[in-house]
């Protein structure tokens, strides 16, 4: 196990460095090393996937889990209260408008600025972790990775096709948000637009992708 840990410690540092701005680096590094150890323990060489791909999911899952805990600790009760109101308002407007409401419509109903609504949504949104979907089921995890590696996953192929059909500016936004794990604020800085614009565009692009896939 020690040789494997030394061999893949660089992978842990690479993943950890991507999220260093969200939590303490040492905490994330320790979480990543735990993920690596779990991957080493559970890896089955007879399955059709490489250890690097398998370890990547475990490492990233543990890192995001730590970030998630940090977010839950630092978010104030007032923020959670407003987020609850945002959810209730979104549901109310969705039923009455027959569509997903915009950020500005939610802000208007609550008497808040769009910037505040966006900041609250970002503050309480938990980083996506593969733990919930795959970590408790090794067989499904292996199968999922193997299918994606071979390009057999129909959902993945449909998603790739939909993304390729987007305009260049739309692809840049989606790439920043979902492939590079950037926040809306970071994406706004990269694209040279406001965070509110990122939020609006992202909602429209995701709906466009959903329509294409369906």
C-alpha atoms as a PDB file:
ATOM      1  CA  UNK A   1       0.000   0.000   0.000  1.00  0.00           C
ATOM      2  CA  UNK A   2       2.823   2.429   0.831  1.00  0.00           C
ATOM      3  CA  UNK A   3       4.227   2.211  -2.705  1.00  0.00           C
ATOM      4  CA  UNK A   4       0.797   2.946  -4.153  1.00  0.00           C
ATOM      5  CA  UNK A   5       0.353   5.934  -1.840  1.00  0.00           C
ATOM      6  CA  UNK A   6       3.706   7.385  -2.890  1.00  0.00           C
ATOM      7  CA  UNK A   7       2.916   6.772  -6.553  1.00  0.00           C
ATOM      8  CA  UNK A   8      -0.443   8.571  -6.461  1.00  0.00           C
ATOM      9  CA  UNK A   9       0.251  11.295  -3.892  1.00  0.00           C
ATOM     10  CA  UNK A  10       0.745  13.674  -6.806  1.00  0.00           C
ATOM     11  CA  UNK A  11      -2.829  12.986  -7.916  1.00  0.00           C
ATOM     12  CA  UNK A  12      -4.058  13.887  -4.431  1.00  0.00           C
ATOM     13  CA  UNK A  13      -2.133  17.177  -4.501  1.00  0.00           C
ATOM     14  CA  UNK A  14      -3.412  17.951  -8.001  1.00  0.00           C
ATOM     15  CA  UNK A  15      -7.056  17.493  -7.002  1.00  0.00           C
ATOM     16  CA  UNK A  16      -6.604  19.260  -3.668  1.00  0.00           C
ATOM     17  CA  UNK A  17      -5.007  22.327  -5.262  1.00  0.00           C
ATOM     18  CA  UNK A  18      -8.128  22.877  -7.408  1.00  0.00           C
ATOM     19  CA  UNK A  19     -10.243  23.462  -4.296  1.00  0.00           C
ATOM     20  CA  UNK A  20      -7.668  25.213  -2.100  1.00  0.00           C
ATOM     21  CA  UNK A  21      -9.606  28.492  -2.252  1.00  0.00           C
ATOM     22  CA  UNK A  22     -12.653  26.857  -0.620  1.00  0.00           C
ATOM     23  CA  UNK A  23     -11.170  25.219   2.463  1.00  0.00           C
ATOM     24  CA  UNK A  24      -7.911  24.776   4.383  1.00  0.00           C
ATOM     25  CA  UNK A  25      -5.360  23.023   2.156  1.00  0.00           C
ATOM     26  CA  UNK A  26      -4.074  20.676   4.875  1.00  0.00           C
ATOM     27  CA  UNK A  27      -7.618  19.509   5.662  1.00  0.00           C
ATOM     28  CA  UNK A  28      -8.310  18.864   1.994  1.00  0.00           C
ATOM     29  CA  UNK A  29      -5.000  17.067   1.540  1.00  0.00           C
ATOM     30  CA  UNK A  30      -5.746  14.747   4.471  1.00  0.00           C
ATOM     31  CA  UNK A  31      -9.196  14.059   3.026  1.00  0.00           C
ATOM     32  CA  UNK A  32      -7.662  13.305  -0.362  1.00  0.00           C
ATOM     33  CA  UNK A  33      -5.150  10.896   1.179  1.00  0.00           C
ATOM     34  CA  UNK A  34      -8.005   9.142   2.972  1.00  0.00           C
ATOM     35  CA  UNK A  35      -9.775   8.787  -0.371  1.00  0.00           C
ATOM     36  CA  UNK A  36      -6.617   7.323  -1.894  1.00  0.00           C
ATOM     37  CA  UNK A  37      -6.287   4.784   0.927  1.00  0.00           C
ATOM     38  CA  UNK A  38      -9.930   3.763   0.526  1.00  0.00           C
ATOM     39  CA  UNK A  39      -9.428   3.353  -3.225  1.00  0.00           C
ATOM     40  CA  UNK A  40      -6.374   1.154  -2.665  1.00  0.00           C
ATOM     41  CA  UNK A  41      -8.309  -1.012  -0.215  1.00  0.00           C
ATOM     42  CA  UNK A  42     -11.389  -1.439  -2.400  1.00  0.00           C
ATOM     43  CA  UNK A  43      -9.850  -1.609  -5.882  1.00  0.00           C
ATOM     44  CA  UNK A  44     -10.469  -4.830  -7.789  1.00  0.00           C
ATOM     45  CA  UNK A  45      -7.967  -5.452 -10.591  1.00  0.00           C
ATOM     46  CA  UNK A  46     -10.371  -7.800 -12.361  1.00  0.00           C
ATOM     47  CA  UNK A  47     -12.723  -4.923 -13.192  1.00  0.00           C
ATOM     48  CA  UNK A  48     -12.497  -3.062 -16.494  1.00  0.00           C
ATOM     49  CA  UNK A  49     -11.111   0.249 -15.289  1.00  0.00           C
ATOM     50  CA  UNK A  50      -7.744   1.734 -14.401  1.00  0.00           C
ATOM     51  CA  UNK A  51      -6.757   2.351 -10.802  1.00  0.00           C
ATOM     52  CA  UNK A  52      -6.062   6.023 -11.586  1.00  0.00           C
ATOM     53  CA  UNK A  53      -9.675   6.608 -12.676  1.00  0.00           C
ATOM     54  CA  UNK A  54     -11.020   4.687  -9.700  1.00  0.00           C
ATOM     55  CA  UNK A  55      -8.773   6.529  -7.236  1.00  0.00           C
ATOM     56  CA  UNK A  56      -9.673   9.894  -8.762  1.00  0.00           C
ATOM     57  CA  UNK A  57     -13.345   9.455  -7.849  1.00  0.00           C
ATOM     58  CA  UNK A  58     -12.550   8.408  -4.276  1.00  0.00           C
ATOM     59  CA  UNK A  59     -10.072  11.238  -3.738  1.00  0.00           C
ATOM     60  CA  UNK A  60     -12.367  13.885  -5.178  1.00  0.00           C
ATOM     61  CA  UNK A  61     -15.338  12.499  -3.250  1.00  0.00           C
ATOM     62  CA  UNK A  62     -13.519  12.800   0.098  1.00  0.00           C
ATOM     63  CA  UNK A  63     -12.222  16.290  -0.746  1.00  0.00           C
ATOM     64  CA  UNK A  64     -15.701  17.538  -1.685  1.00  0.00           C
ATOM     65  CA  UNK A  65     -17.167  15.935   1.408  1.00  0.00           C
ATOM     66  CA  UNK A  66     -14.774  17.995   3.549  1.00  0.00           C
ATOM     67  CA  UNK A  67     -15.655  21.174   1.657  1.00  0.00           C
ATOM     68  CA  UNK A  68     -19.323  20.388   2.154  1.00  0.00           C
ATOM     69  CA  UNK A  69     -18.814  20.140   5.924  1.00  0.00           C
ATOM     70  CA  UNK A  70     -16.978  23.471   5.949  1.00  0.00           C
ATOM     71  CA  UNK A  71     -19.814  25.142   4.064  1.00  0.00           C
ATOM     72  CA  UNK A  72     -22.384  23.826   6.508  1.00  0.00           C
ATOM     73  CA  UNK A  73     -20.368  25.178   9.423  1.00  0.00           C
ATOM     74  CA  UNK A  74     -19.786  28.680   8.045  1.00  0.00           C
ATOM     75  CA  UNK A  75     -23.186  29.496   6.542  1.00  0.00           C
ATOM     76  CA  UNK A  76     -25.314  31.605   8.898  1.00  0.00           C
ATOM     77  CA  UNK A  77     -28.854  30.790   9.999  1.00  0.00           C
ATOM     78  CA  UNK A  78     -30.121  33.947   8.252  1.00  0.00           C
ATOM     79  CA  UNK A  79     -28.686  32.676   4.973  1.00  0.00           C
ATOM     80  CA  UNK A  80     -30.388  29.301   5.389  1.00  0.00           C
ATOM     81  CA  UNK A  81     -33.661  31.068   6.231  1.00  0.00           C
ATOM     82  CA  UNK A  82     -33.506  33.207   3.082  1.00  0.00           C
ATOM     83  CA  UNK A  83     -32.553  30.160   1.015  1.00  0.00           C
ATOM     84  CA  UNK A  84     -35.695  28.411   2.268  1.00  0.00           C
ATOM     85  CA  UNK A  85     -37.751  31.430   1.189  1.00  0.00           C
ATOM     86  CA  UNK A  86     -36.039  31.360  -2.215  1.00  0.00           C
ATOM     87  CA  UNK A  87     -36.984  27.690  -2.686  1.00  0.00           C
ATOM     88  CA  UNK A  88     -40.601  28.317  -1.657  1.00  0.00           C
ATOM     89  CA  UNK A  89     -40.815  31.349  -3.954  1.00  0.00           C
ATOM     90  CA  UNK A  90     -39.312  29.381  -6.851  1.00  0.00           C
ATOM     91  CA  UNK A  91     -41.901  26.629  -6.403  1.00  0.00           C
ATOM     92  CA  UNK A  92     -44.738  29.165  -6.162  1.00  0.00           C
ATOM     93  CA  UNK A  93     -43.653  31.031  -9.292  1.00  0.00           C
ATOM     94  CA  UNK A  94     -43.027  27.812 -11.215  1.00  0.00           C
ATOM     95  CA  UNK A  95     -46.600  26.675 -10.593  1.00  0.00           C
ATOM     96  CA  UNK A  96     -48.071  30.035 -11.536  1.00  0.00           C
ATOM     97  CA  UNK A  97     -45.831  30.854 -14.495  1.00  0.00           C
ATOM     98  CA  UNK A  98     -45.626  27.342 -15.878  1.00  0.00           C
ATOM     99  CA  UNK A  99     -41.849  27.633 -16.175  1.00  0.00           C
ATOM    100  CA  UNK A 100     -38.704  28.045 -14.105  1.00  0.00           C
ATOM    101  CA  UNK A 101     -38.654  31.627 -12.725  1.00  0.00           C
ATOM    102  CA  UNK A 102     -35.669  33.895 -13.333  1.00  0.00           C
ATOM    103  CA  UNK A 103     -33.440  35.150 -10.550  1.00  0.00           C
ATOM    104  CA  UNK A 104     -34.810  38.674 -11.012  1.00  0.00           C
ATOM    105  CA  UNK A 105     -38.397  37.439 -10.592  1.00  0.00           C
ATOM    106  CA  UNK A 106     -37.512  35.635  -7.367  1.00  0.00           C
ATOM    107  CA  UNK A 107     -35.643  38.707  -6.118  1.00  0.00           C
ATOM    108  CA  UNK A 108     -38.628  40.946  -6.910  1.00  0.00           C
ATOM    109  CA  UNK A 109     -41.039  38.687  -5.033  1.00  0.00           C
ATOM    110  CA  UNK A 110     -38.791  38.639  -1.967  1.00  0.00           C
ATOM    111  CA  UNK A 111     -37.856  42.304  -2.110  1.00  0.00           C
ATOM    112  CA  UNK A 112     -34.156  41.481  -2.375  1.00  0.00           C
ATOM    113  CA  UNK A 113     -31.459  42.324  -4.915  1.00  0.00           C
ATOM    114  CA  UNK A 114     -30.489  39.770  -7.556  1.00  0.00           C
ATOM    115  CA  UNK A 115     -26.922  39.848  -6.249  1.00  0.00           C
ATOM    116  CA  UNK A 116     -28.076  38.795  -2.784  1.00  0.00           C
ATOM    117  CA  UNK A 117     -30.253  35.993  -4.146  1.00  0.00           C
ATOM    118  CA  UNK A 118     -27.329  34.659  -6.199  1.00  0.00           C
ATOM    119  CA  UNK A 119     -24.920  34.894  -3.261  1.00  0.00           C
ATOM    120  CA  UNK A 120     -27.302  32.993  -0.969  1.00  0.00           C
ATOM    121  CA  UNK A 121     -27.865  30.221  -3.522  1.00  0.00           C
ATOM    122  CA  UNK A 122     -24.100  29.864  -3.991  1.00  0.00           C
ATOM    123  CA  UNK A 123     -23.447  29.918  -0.246  1.00  0.00           C
ATOM    124  CA  UNK A 124     -25.727  26.984   0.561  1.00  0.00           C
ATOM    125  CA  UNK A 125     -25.197  24.921  -2.579  1.00  0.00           C
ATOM    126  CA  UNK A 126     -23.127  21.866  -1.698  1.00  0.00           C
ATOM    127  CA  UNK A 127     -20.328  20.728  -3.995  1.00  0.00           C
ATOM    128  CA  UNK A 128     -21.274  17.689  -6.031  1.00  0.00           C
ATOM    129  CA  UNK A 129     -19.838  14.464  -4.714  1.00  0.00           C
ATOM    130  CA  UNK A 130     -19.857  11.054  -6.338  1.00  0.00           C
ATOM    131  CA  UNK A 131     -20.112   9.450  -2.897  1.00  0.00           C
ATOM    132  CA  UNK A 132     -23.892   9.515  -2.869  1.00  0.00           C
ATOM    133  CA  UNK A 133     -24.243   7.829  -6.222  1.00  0.00           C
ATOM    134  CA  UNK A 134     -21.434   5.326  -6.395  1.00  0.00           C
ATOM    135  CA  UNK A 135     -19.125   5.028  -3.419  1.00  0.00           C
ATOM    136  CA  UNK A 136     -21.407   2.658  -1.515  1.00  0.00           C
ATOM    137  CA  UNK A 137     -21.766   0.392  -4.518  1.00  0.00           C
ATOM    138  CA  UNK A 138     -18.404  -0.717  -5.903  1.00  0.00           C
ATOM    139  CA  UNK A 139     -19.909  -2.711  -8.734  1.00  0.00           C
ATOM    140  CA  UNK A 140     -21.905   0.243 -10.058  1.00  0.00           C
ATOM    141  CA  UNK A 141     -18.863   2.470  -9.731  1.00  0.00           C
ATOM    142  CA  UNK A 142     -16.703   0.139 -11.789  1.00  0.00           C
ATOM    143  CA  UNK A 143     -19.394  -0.341 -14.405  1.00  0.00           C
ATOM    144  CA  UNK A 144     -20.007   3.377 -14.733  1.00  0.00           C
ATOM    145  CA  UNK A 145     -16.333   4.205 -15.227  1.00  0.00           C
ATOM    146  CA  UNK A 146     -15.846   1.348 -17.688  1.00  0.00           C
ATOM    147  CA  UNK A 147     -18.804   2.441 -19.796  1.00  0.00           C
ATOM    148  CA  UNK A 148     -17.705   6.067 -19.887  1.00  0.00           C
ATOM    149  CA  UNK A 149     -14.141   5.087 -20.761  1.00  0.00           C
ATOM    150  CA  UNK A 150     -15.394   3.066 -23.727  1.00  0.00           C
ATOM    151  CA  UNK A 151     -17.920   5.696 -24.796  1.00  0.00           C
ATOM    152  CA  UNK A 152     -20.859   3.329 -24.359  1.00  0.00           C
ATOM    153  CA  UNK A 153     -22.823   5.463 -21.910  1.00  0.00           C
ATOM    154  CA  UNK A 154     -25.769   6.750 -23.953  1.00  0.00           C
ATOM    155  CA  UNK A 155     -26.468   9.584 -21.516  1.00  0.00           C
ATOM    156  CA  UNK A 156     -22.878  10.765 -21.713  1.00  0.00           C
ATOM    157  CA  UNK A 157     -22.886  10.630 -25.501  1.00  0.00           C
ATOM    158  CA  UNK A 158     -26.137  12.606 -25.669  1.00  0.00           C
ATOM    159  CA  UNK A 159     -24.761  15.173 -23.245  1.00  0.00           C
ATOM    160  CA  UNK A 160     -21.533  15.562 -25.233  1.00  0.00           C
ATOM    161  CA  UNK A 161     -23.513  16.027 -28.440  1.00  0.00           C
ATOM    162  CA  UNK A 162     -25.754  18.640 -26.810  1.00  0.00           C
ATOM    163  CA  UNK A 163     -22.763  20.566 -25.472  1.00  0.00           C
ATOM    164  CA  UNK A 164     -21.018  20.482 -28.828  1.00  0.00           C
ATOM    165  CA  UNK A 165     -24.145  22.031 -30.333  1.00  0.00           C
ATOM    166  CA  UNK A 166     -23.904  25.081 -28.075  1.00  0.00           C
ATOM    167  CA  UNK A 167     -22.494  28.409 -29.164  1.00  0.00           C
ATOM    168  CA  UNK A 168     -18.844  28.972 -28.250  1.00  0.00           C
ATOM    169  CA  UNK A 169     -19.665  31.423 -25.439  1.00  0.00           C
ATOM    170  CA  UNK A 170     -22.187  28.955 -24.011  1.00  0.00           C
ATOM    171  CA  UNK A 171     -19.648  26.108 -24.098  1.00  0.00           C
ATOM    172  CA  UNK A 172     -17.104  28.296 -22.306  1.00  0.00           C
ATOM    173  CA  UNK A 173     -19.560  28.983 -19.504  1.00  0.00           C
ATOM    174  CA  UNK A 174     -20.562  25.344 -19.089  1.00  0.00           C
ATOM    175  CA  UNK A 175     -16.935  24.222 -19.250  1.00  0.00           C
ATOM    176  CA  UNK A 176     -15.954  26.680 -16.530  1.00  0.00           C
ATOM    177  CA  UNK A 177     -18.843  25.725 -14.261  1.00  0.00           C
ATOM    178  CA  UNK A 178     -19.061  21.954 -14.689  1.00  0.00           C
ATOM    179  CA  UNK A 179     -15.730  20.746 -16.082  1.00  0.00           C
ATOM    180  CA  UNK A 180     -13.380  23.097 -14.238  1.00  0.00           C
ATOM    181  CA  UNK A 181     -15.535  23.267 -11.069  1.00  0.00           C
ATOM    182  CA  UNK A 182     -15.516  27.068 -10.958  1.00  0.00           C
ATOM    183  CA  UNK A 183     -18.041  29.044  -8.928  1.00  0.00           C
ATOM    184  CA  UNK A 184     -20.354  31.497 -10.665  1.00  0.00           C
ATOM    185  CA  UNK A 185     -18.206  34.335  -9.336  1.00  0.00           C
ATOM    186  CA  UNK A 186     -15.023  32.824 -10.764  1.00  0.00           C
ATOM    187  CA  UNK A 187     -16.749  32.120 -14.075  1.00  0.00           C
ATOM    188  CA  UNK A 188     -17.930  35.727 -14.226  1.00  0.00           C
ATOM    189  CA  UNK A 189     -14.358  36.962 -13.774  1.00  0.00           C
ATOM    190  CA  UNK A 190     -13.040  34.642 -16.485  1.00  0.00           C
ATOM    191  CA  UNK A 191     -15.768  35.572 -18.990  1.00  0.00           C
ATOM    192  CA  UNK A 192     -15.759  39.275 -18.113  1.00  0.00           C
ATOM    193  CA  UNK A 193     -19.446  39.461 -17.184  1.00  0.00           C
ATOM    194  CA  UNK A 194     -21.377  39.851 -13.937  1.00  0.00           C
ATOM    195  CA  UNK A 195     -22.264  36.990 -11.607  1.00  0.00           C
ATOM    196  CA  UNK A 196     -25.955  37.687 -12.202  1.00  0.00           C
ATOM    197  CA  UNK A 197     -25.417  37.329 -15.955  1.00  0.00           C
ATOM    198  CA  UNK A 198     -23.640  34.019 -15.390  1.00  0.00           C
ATOM    199  CA  UNK A 199     -26.586  32.800 -13.319  1.00  0.00           C
ATOM    200  CA  UNK A 200     -29.119  33.832 -15.982  1.00  0.00           C
ATOM    201  CA  UNK A 201     -27.118  32.402 -18.878  1.00  0.00           C
ATOM    202  CA  UNK A 202     -26.417  29.158 -17.026  1.00  0.00           C
ATOM    203  CA  UNK A 203     -30.120  28.588 -16.366  1.00  0.00           C
ATOM    204  CA  UNK A 204     -30.963  29.159 -20.040  1.00  0.00           C
ATOM    205  CA  UNK A 205     -28.112  26.958 -21.286  1.00  0.00           C
ATOM    206  CA  UNK A 206     -29.019  24.069 -18.986  1.00  0.00           C
ATOM    207  CA  UNK A 207     -32.619  24.274 -20.143  1.00  0.00           C
ATOM    208  CA  UNK A 208     -31.393  24.275 -23.748  1.00  0.00           C
ATOM    209  CA  UNK A 209     -29.322  21.142 -23.074  1.00  0.00           C
ATOM    210  CA  UNK A 210     -32.271  19.419 -21.355  1.00  0.00           C
ATOM    211  CA  UNK A 211     -34.494  20.140 -24.330  1.00  0.00           C
ATOM    212  CA  UNK A 212     -31.924  18.715 -26.757  1.00  0.00           C
ATOM    213  CA  UNK A 213     -31.384  15.539 -24.739  1.00  0.00           C
ATOM    214  CA  UNK A 214     -35.098  14.956 -24.229  1.00  0.00           C
END
